[in-house]
């Protein structure tokens, strides 16, 4: 089912919001034929009633359906009419009504649901130019919106107050090019001055309600993709193996949002705002990559189980992941990164822990940047293989190498930084209690730890015995570094299982 909706989004983006100019003659029939070829090439069955009147091709009762093998079902998107109008200058306008319904259906595993969305825009056409093998699209609209207009589940109508969905974009401009040559490639760009969303639900069988509202400003998107041709199955693994790939980056200059929920006497609410961020995703047969970041984020949390509202701020937050997708006996690259820079909590919260102000209340920072190599030993898109991994019947993969490119943790006046490189012997699972035996070294630096321990003792948050144990451990693993209250440590693990701290064997 996730594959269907992912492709539905991509298809809708290309077919409804597209762009850019070229120089040749196109016919209405060629544009419609290319749309059908694109959709059928990714697993859809496309149908519609065609009628030609002069220079206009009208396609009514348009339906796009595809099987969803992982759910043993199918899914369908439909809308009433599209017109392809030849302009007489070699270009074609794709015209949709200013407002029209889009139906969707899904059935599988003995369940079904269906619904209707109302799509509205200012009526502007999509202008298509080029030739049958290289088409460019240009579209702009002062407003585009999608509104949920009905749901049903297993044949029963869902009351309208149960679910609400409305999404609106303003000042939309989109350009794209579509090229057919040994497959299909496309490039897209899009801008919008703002996007707002308003979603909510009410539990028809209880007292629960939920609401999600927000807006983004200064949106932009750029992306490219490759879609293979000639595949008869919508199977994602087959698509990737045949060359399916995409990458895209979404940016925004500011945003705000709110989430709230009520369940009987319990309630929860969260509000947030930021000064912008970015989201990048790419996928091919080798890797899937995510990179998400946001700057100047403020969050306020309140609720029936929270004694007072919490106001949190972060100068920068980020998450990145690169993971291999292909089953292979060869080592493949992976990466993982987390950034939480200058994370600040309110003084009211500090006052509960440090009422006399003995600790520095500076914002905390956590940064971890990892890269490595590993093997994927099962097919991620095979449900049976995935189940075997979940039950422990099959091994998911191997960790072969890991590099700590950056480690930084700072809070309450202390800071730990470090880097390291390790390899792993997957044939040795006994030296380290079932873990592949590591070999390599890490360099660490700790500042402010003794000062922090002294303050924790004076505050009554750490006993003298606990402090002695911590200092003994630091003495075993670290040596004095340059500067006051600074410790450094080089931790080495040899291939025969020895562990050394600054050249002294500790295991």
Foldseek 3Di string as FASTA:
>chain_A
DVLVVVVVVVLCCPPPAAADADDAAEALVLVVVVSCQQLQQLAWDWDFDWDDDVRKIKTAFIKIKGADVVQRKIKMKTWGIWMWGGPVRRKIWIWDDQKTKIKMKIDGPHKIKIFIKIKGFPGGTWIWHDYSFKIKTKDWTQKIKIWTDWMDIRNHTDPPQFKTKMKMFGGKIKIKMWGDDQFIKMKIKMWTQKMWMWIKGADPVAGKIKIKIKMFGTKMKIKMWTFHGDDNHNQPLVRQVSWTKMKMKMKTQKMKMKMKMDGPPKIKIKIKMFRMWMWMWIDHQFKTKIKTKTAFMWMWIDIPPDPDIKIKTFGMWMWMWIDTQDADPDKDKIKIKTWGHFIATDVVVVCVVCVPPPFDRTGKIWIWIKMFIWGAHFHPSDVVRVVCVVVVVDPGIGGFKMWGPWTWTDDRQKIKIKIWIKGFAPVDLDLVPGGTAIFIKMKMKMAPPVVVLVSCCVSVNDPPVRSVVVVVVQVQQWDDDPDPRMTMWMWGAHPVGWIDIPNHTPD
